[in-house]
Amino acid sequence: MQRLPPPWSAEASSRQRYVPVGALVVIVVALVYSALPFTFAGVVECSAALGGSRAAEDTPAGATVGNADQACADTGGRRLVNAAVVGGAALVIGLAGAFLPADGAPPGRSGDLLAGEPPDGEGEGEGGGHQG
């Protein structure tokens, strides 16, 4: 079976190089998204989701938002979940782009390599030959 070169070698394809870099950029953006402070409902200033998502000290309590601390905590939790899902998907895509082959079977090879079938009809599945 043909071995793929690692993404950091000179023989790696452009897909093997650029897909992991793109995935790394997406992961960093997701991390920054969860590390920035945010505003809830255009009124309540909340700290970063990674820092616990607490409402600012000068936030007035009122009927418009309700409990500001709870609203910040809920929204911060959602931001963390979104960042984790996007980062996890980017990680899977980056690893697939780096280590899965993009090309089909090499010329002259048509057997199912994972099932152990020999190439070009030399054997038929598990029986190992033609019945006749």
N, C-alpha and C. Protein backbone atom coordinates (compact mmCIF):
# COMPACT_ATOMS: atom_id res chain seq x y z
N MET A 1 0.84 -1.16 0.00
CA MET A 1 0.00 0.00 0.00
C MET A 1 0.90 1.24 0.00
N GLN A 2 0.46 2.25 -0.71
CA GLN A 2 1.23 3.47 -0.85
C GLN A 2 1.09 4.33 0.41
N ARG A 3 2.22 4.78 0.94
CA ARG A 3 2.20 5.64 2.12
C ARG A 3 2.20 7.10 1.68
N LEU A 4 1.41 7.89 2.36
CA LEU A 4 1.36 9.32 2.08
C LEU A 4 2.48 10.03 2.83
N PRO A 5 3.07 11.03 2.20
CA PRO A 5 4.08 11.80 2.94
C PRO A 5 3.40 12.67 3.99
N PRO A 6 4.07 12.93 5.11
CA PRO A 6 3.46 13.80 6.12
C PRO A 6 3.33 15.23 5.59
N PRO A 7 2.41 16.01 6.13
CA PRO A 7 2.15 17.36 5.61
C PRO A 7 3.36 18.28 5.66
N TRP A 8 4.31 18.03 6.53
CA TRP A 8 5.46 18.92 6.67
C TRP A 8 6.62 18.55 5.74
N SER A 9 6.48 17.47 4.96
CA SER A 9 7.55 17.08 4.06
C SER A 9 7.43 17.81 2.73
N ALA A 10 8.50 17.79 1.96
CA ALA A 10 8.54 18.48 0.67
C ALA A 10 7.66 17.78 -0.37
N GLU A 11 7.37 16.49 -0.21
CA GLU A 11 6.58 15.74 -1.17
C GLU A 11 5.08 15.88 -0.95
N ALA A 12 4.66 16.59 0.08
CA ALA A 12 3.23 16.72 0.40
C ALA A 12 2.52 17.55 -0.66
N SER A 13 1.26 17.19 -0.93
CA SER A 13 0.46 17.94 -1.91
C SER A 13 0.00 19.26 -1.29
N SER A 14 -0.48 20.14 -2.15
CA SER A 14 -0.95 21.43 -1.65
C SER A 14 -2.17 21.25 -0.73
N ARG A 15 -3.02 20.26 -1.00
CA ARG A 15 -4.16 19.98 -0.13
C ARG A 15 -3.68 19.57 1.25
N GLN A 16 -2.63 18.76 1.30
CA GLN A 16 -2.10 18.32 2.58
C GLN A 16 -1.49 19.47 3.37
N ARG A 17 -1.09 20.52 2.71
CA ARG A 17 -0.48 21.66 3.39
C ARG A 17 -1.49 22.72 3.78
N TYR A 18 -2.41 23.07 2.87
CA TYR A 18 -3.27 24.23 3.08
C TYR A 18 -4.53 23.93 3.86
N VAL A 19 -5.07 22.73 3.76
CA VAL A 19 -6.28 22.40 4.52
C VAL A 19 -6.00 22.44 6.03
N PRO A 20 -4.91 21.86 6.53
CA PRO A 20 -4.64 21.98 7.97
C PRO A 20 -4.38 23.41 8.42
N VAL A 21 -3.76 24.22 7.57
CA VAL A 21 -3.53 25.61 7.92
C VAL A 21 -4.86 26.35 8.02
N GLY A 22 -5.76 26.11 7.08
CA GLY A 22 -7.09 26.72 7.14
C GLY A 22 -7.85 26.26 8.37
N ALA A 23 -7.74 24.99 8.71
CA ALA A 23 -8.41 24.47 9.90
C ALA A 23 -7.83 25.10 11.16
N LEU A 24 -6.53 25.30 11.19
CA LEU A 24 -5.90 25.94 12.35
C LEU A 24 -6.38 27.38 12.50
N VAL A 25 -6.55 28.09 11.40
CA VAL A 25 -7.07 29.46 11.45
C VAL A 25 -8.49 29.45 12.02
N VAL A 26 -9.32 28.51 11.59
CA VAL A 26 -10.69 28.43 12.11
C VAL A 26 -10.69 28.12 13.61
N ILE A 27 -9.81 27.25 14.06
CA ILE A 27 -9.72 26.91 15.48
C ILE A 27 -9.30 28.14 16.29
N VAL A 28 -8.34 28.91 15.79
CA VAL A 28 -7.90 30.11 16.49
C VAL A 28 -9.03 31.14 16.55
N VAL A 29 -9.77 31.30 15.45
CA VAL A 29 -10.89 32.24 15.44
C VAL A 29 -11.96 31.80 16.46
N ALA A 30 -12.23 30.50 16.56
CA ALA A 30 -13.20 30.01 17.53
C ALA A 30 -12.73 30.27 18.96
N LEU A 31 -11.44 30.12 19.20
CA LEU A 31 -10.90 30.40 20.53
C LEU A 31 -10.99 31.88 20.86
N VAL A 32 -10.68 32.73 19.90
CA VAL A 32 -10.79 34.18 20.11
C VAL A 32 -12.25 34.57 20.34
N TYR A 33 -13.17 33.96 19.60
CA TYR A 33 -14.60 34.23 19.75
C TYR A 33 -15.06 33.97 21.19
N SER A 34 -14.55 32.92 21.79
CA SER A 34 -14.96 32.60 23.15
C SER A 34 -14.18 33.40 24.19
N ALA A 35 -13.08 34.06 23.80
CA ALA A 35 -12.27 34.81 24.74
C ALA A 35 -12.57 36.31 24.74
N LEU A 36 -13.43 36.78 23.84
CA LEU A 36 -13.76 38.20 23.79
C LEU A 36 -14.99 38.51 24.63
N PRO A 37 -15.01 39.68 25.28
CA PRO A 37 -16.23 40.09 25.98
C PRO A 37 -17.32 40.39 24.96
N PHE A 38 -18.58 40.32 25.42
CA PHE A 38 -19.70 40.53 24.50
C PHE A 38 -20.80 41.31 25.18
N THR A 39 -21.77 41.76 24.40
CA THR A 39 -22.92 42.49 24.91
C THR A 39 -24.16 41.63 24.73
N PHE A 40 -24.93 41.49 25.79
CA PHE A 40 -26.16 40.71 25.73
C PHE A 40 -27.33 41.67 25.57
N ALA A 41 -28.17 41.43 24.59
CA ALA A 41 -29.39 42.21 24.32
C ALA A 41 -29.11 43.69 24.09
N GLY A 42 -27.89 44.02 23.70
CA GLY A 42 -27.53 45.40 23.41
C GLY A 42 -27.48 46.28 24.65
N VAL A 43 -27.62 45.70 25.84
CA VAL A 43 -27.68 46.49 27.07
C VAL A 43 -26.64 46.03 28.08
N VAL A 44 -26.51 44.73 28.27
CA VAL A 44 -25.68 44.19 29.33
C VAL A 44 -24.29 43.85 28.78
N GLU A 45 -23.27 44.46 29.38
CA GLU A 45 -21.89 44.14 29.02
C GLU A 45 -21.46 42.91 29.83
N CYS A 46 -21.01 41.86 29.13
CA CYS A 46 -20.61 40.62 29.79
C CYS A 46 -19.12 40.38 29.56
N SER A 47 -18.48 39.74 30.53
CA SER A 47 -17.07 39.38 30.37
C SER A 47 -16.96 38.19 29.42
N ALA A 48 -15.76 37.80 29.11
CA ALA A 48 -15.52 36.72 28.14
C ALA A 48 -16.12 35.40 28.61
N ALA A 49 -16.50 34.58 27.63
CA ALA A 49 -17.10 33.28 27.95
C ALA A 49 -16.09 32.38 28.66
N LEU A 50 -14.82 32.47 28.28
CA LEU A 50 -13.80 31.66 28.93
C LEU A 50 -13.53 32.13 30.36
N GLY A 51 -13.87 33.38 30.65
CA GLY A 51 -13.65 33.92 31.98
C GLY A 51 -14.85 33.79 32.90
N GLY A 52 -15.93 33.20 32.46
CA GLY A 52 -17.08 32.98 33.32
C GLY A 52 -18.31 33.77 32.95
N SER A 53 -18.24 34.68 32.02
CA SER A 53 -19.38 35.45 31.52
C SER A 53 -20.18 36.13 32.63
N ARG A 54 -19.54 37.03 33.35
CA ARG A 54 -20.23 37.79 34.38
C ARG A 54 -20.64 39.15 33.85
N ALA A 55 -21.74 39.66 34.35
CA ALA A 55 -22.20 40.98 33.94
C ALA A 55 -21.30 42.04 34.56
N ALA A 56 -21.18 43.18 33.87
CA ALA A 56 -20.38 44.28 34.38
C ALA A 56 -20.98 44.79 35.69
N GLU A 57 -20.14 45.37 36.55
CA GLU A 57 -20.58 45.84 37.86
C GLU A 57 -21.63 46.94 37.77
N ASP A 58 -21.55 47.79 36.75
CA ASP A 58 -22.47 48.92 36.66
C ASP A 58 -23.75 48.60 35.89
N THR A 59 -24.03 47.32 35.66
CA THR A 59 -25.24 46.92 34.94
C THR A 59 -26.45 47.08 35.85
N PRO A 60 -27.43 47.89 35.43
CA PRO A 60 -28.63 48.04 36.28
C PRO A 60 -29.53 46.82 36.17
N ALA A 61 -30.10 46.43 37.27
CA ALA A 61 -31.07 45.33 37.26
C ALA A 61 -32.40 45.91 36.78
N GLY A 62 -33.08 45.16 35.95
CA GLY A 62 -34.34 45.68 35.45
C GLY A 62 -35.18 44.60 34.82
N ALA A 63 -36.39 44.97 34.44
CA ALA A 63 -37.33 44.02 33.85
C ALA A 63 -37.01 43.75 32.39
N THR A 64 -36.17 44.58 31.76
CA THR A 64 -35.87 44.41 30.35
C THR A 64 -35.09 43.12 30.11
N VAL A 65 -34.11 42.87 30.94
CA VAL A 65 -33.24 41.71 30.75
C VAL A 65 -33.50 40.65 31.80
N GLY A 66 -33.95 41.03 32.95
CA GLY A 66 -34.11 40.07 34.04
C GLY A 66 -32.83 39.98 34.83
N ASN A 67 -32.44 38.80 35.20
CA ASN A 67 -31.20 38.60 35.95
C ASN A 67 -30.03 38.68 34.97
N ALA A 68 -29.26 39.76 35.07
CA ALA A 68 -28.17 40.00 34.12
C ALA A 68 -27.08 38.95 34.23
N ASP A 69 -26.79 38.52 35.46
CA ASP A 69 -25.75 37.50 35.63
C ASP A 69 -26.15 36.18 34.99
N GLN A 70 -27.40 35.79 35.14
CA GLN A 70 -27.88 34.55 34.53
C GLN A 70 -27.90 34.66 33.01
N ALA A 71 -28.32 35.82 32.48
CA ALA A 71 -28.35 36.01 31.04
C ALA A 71 -26.94 35.94 30.45
N CYS A 72 -25.98 36.55 31.13
CA CYS A 72 -24.59 36.49 30.66
C CYS A 72 -24.06 35.05 30.71
N ALA A 73 -24.36 34.34 31.79
CA ALA A 73 -23.88 32.96 31.92
C ALA A 73 -24.47 32.06 30.84
N ASP A 74 -25.76 32.22 30.56
CA ASP A 74 -26.40 31.41 29.52
C ASP A 74 -25.81 31.70 28.14
N THR A 75 -25.69 32.98 27.83
CA THR A 75 -25.14 33.36 26.52
C THR A 75 -23.68 32.95 26.40
N GLY A 76 -22.91 33.11 27.47
CA GLY A 76 -21.50 32.69 27.46
C GLY A 76 -21.36 31.19 27.27
N GLY A 77 -22.26 30.42 27.89
CA GLY A 77 -22.24 28.97 27.71
C GLY A 77 -22.51 28.59 26.26
N ARG A 78 -23.46 29.28 25.64
CA ARG A 78 -23.75 29.02 24.23
C ARG A 78 -22.56 29.37 23.35
N ARG A 79 -21.88 30.47 23.68
CA ARG A 79 -20.70 30.84 22.90
C ARG A 79 -19.60 29.79 23.02
N LEU A 80 -19.43 29.23 24.21
CA LEU A 80 -18.43 28.17 24.40
C LEU A 80 -18.79 26.91 23.61
N VAL A 81 -20.06 26.54 23.63
CA VAL A 81 -20.49 25.35 22.88
C VAL A 81 -20.30 25.58 21.38
N ASN A 82 -20.66 26.75 20.88
CA ASN A 82 -20.47 27.05 19.45
C ASN A 82 -19.00 26.99 19.08
N ALA A 83 -18.14 27.58 19.89
CA ALA A 83 -16.71 27.57 19.60
C ALA A 83 -16.16 26.14 19.63
N ALA A 84 -16.63 25.33 20.59
CA ALA A 84 -16.15 23.95 20.67
C ALA A 84 -16.58 23.12 19.47
N VAL A 85 -17.82 23.28 19.02
CA VAL A 85 -18.31 22.52 17.87
C VAL A 85 -17.56 22.92 16.61
N VAL A 86 -17.40 24.23 16.39
CA VAL A 86 -16.69 24.69 15.20
C VAL A 86 -15.22 24.28 15.25
N GLY A 87 -14.60 24.41 16.41
CA GLY A 87 -13.20 23.99 16.55
C GLY A 87 -13.01 22.50 16.35
N GLY A 88 -13.92 21.69 16.89
CA GLY A 88 -13.84 20.24 16.70
C GLY A 88 -14.02 19.83 15.25
N ALA A 89 -14.98 20.45 14.58
CA ALA A 89 -15.19 20.15 13.16
C ALA A 89 -13.97 20.57 12.34
N ALA A 90 -13.39 21.71 12.66
CA ALA A 90 -12.19 22.15 11.94
C ALA A 90 -11.02 21.21 12.20
N LEU A 91 -10.92 20.69 13.41
CA LEU A 91 -9.85 19.73 13.72
C LEU A 91 -10.00 18.47 12.89
N VAL A 92 -11.21 17.94 12.81
CA VAL A 92 -11.45 16.72 12.02
C VAL A 92 -11.16 16.98 10.54
N ILE A 93 -11.62 18.10 10.01
CA ILE A 93 -11.38 18.42 8.60
C ILE A 93 -9.90 18.64 8.33
N GLY A 94 -9.21 19.29 9.25
CA GLY A 94 -7.77 19.51 9.08
C GLY A 94 -6.98 18.21 9.07
N LEU A 95 -7.33 17.30 9.98
CA LEU A 95 -6.64 16.01 10.00
C LEU A 95 -6.96 15.18 8.75
N ALA A 96 -8.21 15.25 8.32
CA ALA A 96 -8.58 14.52 7.10
C ALA A 96 -7.85 15.09 5.90
N GLY A 97 -7.76 16.40 5.81
CA GLY A 97 -7.06 17.01 4.69
C GLY A 97 -5.58 16.70 4.69
N ALA A 98 -5.01 16.51 5.87
CA ALA A 98 -3.57 16.25 5.95
C ALA A 98 -3.22 14.78 5.70
N PHE A 99 -4.06 13.86 6.15
CA PHE A 99 -3.64 12.46 6.15
C PHE A 99 -4.47 11.51 5.30
N LEU A 100 -5.61 11.94 4.75
CA LEU A 100 -6.37 11.05 3.88
C LEU A 100 -5.95 11.25 2.44
N PRO A 101 -5.83 10.18 1.68
CA PRO A 101 -5.43 10.34 0.28
C PRO A 101 -6.54 10.98 -0.53
N ALA A 102 -6.16 11.87 -1.44
CA ALA A 102 -7.14 12.55 -2.29
C ALA A 102 -7.31 11.81 -3.61
N ASP A 103 -6.29 11.11 -4.04
CA ASP A 103 -6.33 10.43 -5.32
C ASP A 103 -7.01 9.08 -5.16
N GLY A 104 -7.54 8.57 -6.26
CA GLY A 104 -8.13 7.24 -6.26
C GLY A 104 -7.03 6.19 -6.22
N ALA A 105 -7.38 4.99 -6.64
CA ALA A 105 -6.39 3.91 -6.67
C ALA A 105 -5.32 4.23 -7.70
N PRO A 106 -4.10 3.83 -7.44
CA PRO A 106 -3.05 4.05 -8.43
C PRO A 106 -3.37 3.33 -9.73
N PRO A 107 -2.84 3.79 -10.85
CA PRO A 107 -3.12 3.12 -12.12
C PRO A 107 -2.75 1.64 -12.06
N GLY A 108 -3.64 0.81 -12.58
CA GLY A 108 -3.38 -0.63 -12.60
C GLY A 108 -3.86 -1.34 -11.36
N ARG A 109 -4.43 -0.62 -10.40
CA ARG A 109 -4.92 -1.23 -9.17
C ARG A 109 -6.41 -0.97 -9.05
N SER A 110 -7.20 -2.01 -8.96
CA SER A 110 -8.64 -1.82 -8.83
C SER A 110 -9.24 -2.63 -7.69
N GLY A 111 -8.45 -3.39 -6.96
CA GLY A 111 -9.00 -4.19 -5.86
C GLY A 111 -9.29 -3.33 -4.65
N ASP A 112 -10.13 -3.83 -3.79
CA ASP A 112 -10.45 -3.14 -2.55
C ASP A 112 -9.34 -3.46 -1.55
N LEU A 113 -8.46 -2.50 -1.33
CA LEU A 113 -7.30 -2.73 -0.48
C LEU A 113 -7.70 -2.97 0.97
N LEU A 114 -8.75 -2.30 1.43
CA LEU A 114 -9.15 -2.46 2.82
C LEU A 114 -9.77 -3.83 3.07
N ALA A 115 -10.43 -4.40 2.07
CA ALA A 115 -11.04 -5.72 2.22
C ALA A 115 -10.06 -6.84 1.90
N GLY A 116 -8.87 -6.50 1.47
CA GLY A 116 -7.86 -7.51 1.18
C GLY A 116 -8.02 -8.16 -0.17
N GLU A 117 -8.80 -7.56 -1.07
CA GLU A 117 -8.97 -8.15 -2.40
C GLU A 117 -7.76 -7.81 -3.26
N PRO A 118 -7.28 -8.78 -4.03
CA PRO A 118 -6.15 -8.51 -4.91
C PRO A 118 -6.56 -7.62 -6.07
N PRO A 119 -5.60 -6.93 -6.67
CA PRO A 119 -5.93 -6.02 -7.77
C PRO A 119 -6.31 -6.73 -9.04
N ASP A 120 -7.11 -6.05 -9.86
CA ASP A 120 -7.44 -6.44 -11.23
C ASP A 120 -7.98 -7.85 -11.38
N GLY A 121 -8.87 -8.25 -10.52
CA GLY A 121 -9.59 -9.51 -10.69
C GLY A 121 -8.76 -10.75 -10.51
N GLU A 122 -7.65 -10.68 -9.81
CA GLU A 122 -6.83 -11.87 -9.59
C GLU A 122 -7.55 -12.84 -8.66
N GLY A 123 -8.49 -12.36 -7.90
CA GLY A 123 -9.29 -13.20 -7.01
C GLY A 123 -10.64 -12.55 -6.85
N GLU A 124 -11.62 -13.29 -6.47
CA GLU A 124 -12.96 -12.76 -6.32
C GLU A 124 -13.37 -12.85 -4.86
N GLY A 125 -13.24 -11.78 -4.11
CA GLY A 125 -13.70 -11.72 -2.73
C GLY A 125 -13.04 -12.75 -1.84
N GLU A 126 -13.85 -13.37 -0.99
CA GLU A 126 -13.33 -14.28 0.00
C GLU A 126 -13.04 -15.67 -0.57
N GLY A 127 -13.72 -16.02 -1.66
CA GLY A 127 -13.55 -17.35 -2.24
C GLY A 127 -12.18 -17.54 -2.89
N GLY A 128 -11.60 -16.47 -3.38
CA GLY A 128 -10.26 -16.53 -3.92
C GLY A 128 -10.18 -17.03 -5.34
N GLY A 129 -11.22 -17.05 -6.10
CA GLY A 129 -11.12 -17.48 -7.48
C GLY A 129 -12.47 -17.65 -8.12
N HIS A 130 -12.45 -18.04 -9.39
CA HIS A 130 -13.69 -18.23 -10.13
C HIS A 130 -14.17 -19.64 -9.92
N GLN A 131 -15.48 -19.80 -9.91
CA GLN A 131 -16.03 -21.15 -9.86
C GLN A 131 -16.26 -21.62 -11.30
N GLY A 132 -16.00 -22.83 -11.56
CA GLY A 132 -16.15 -23.24 -12.94
C GLY A 132 -16.37 -24.63 -13.20
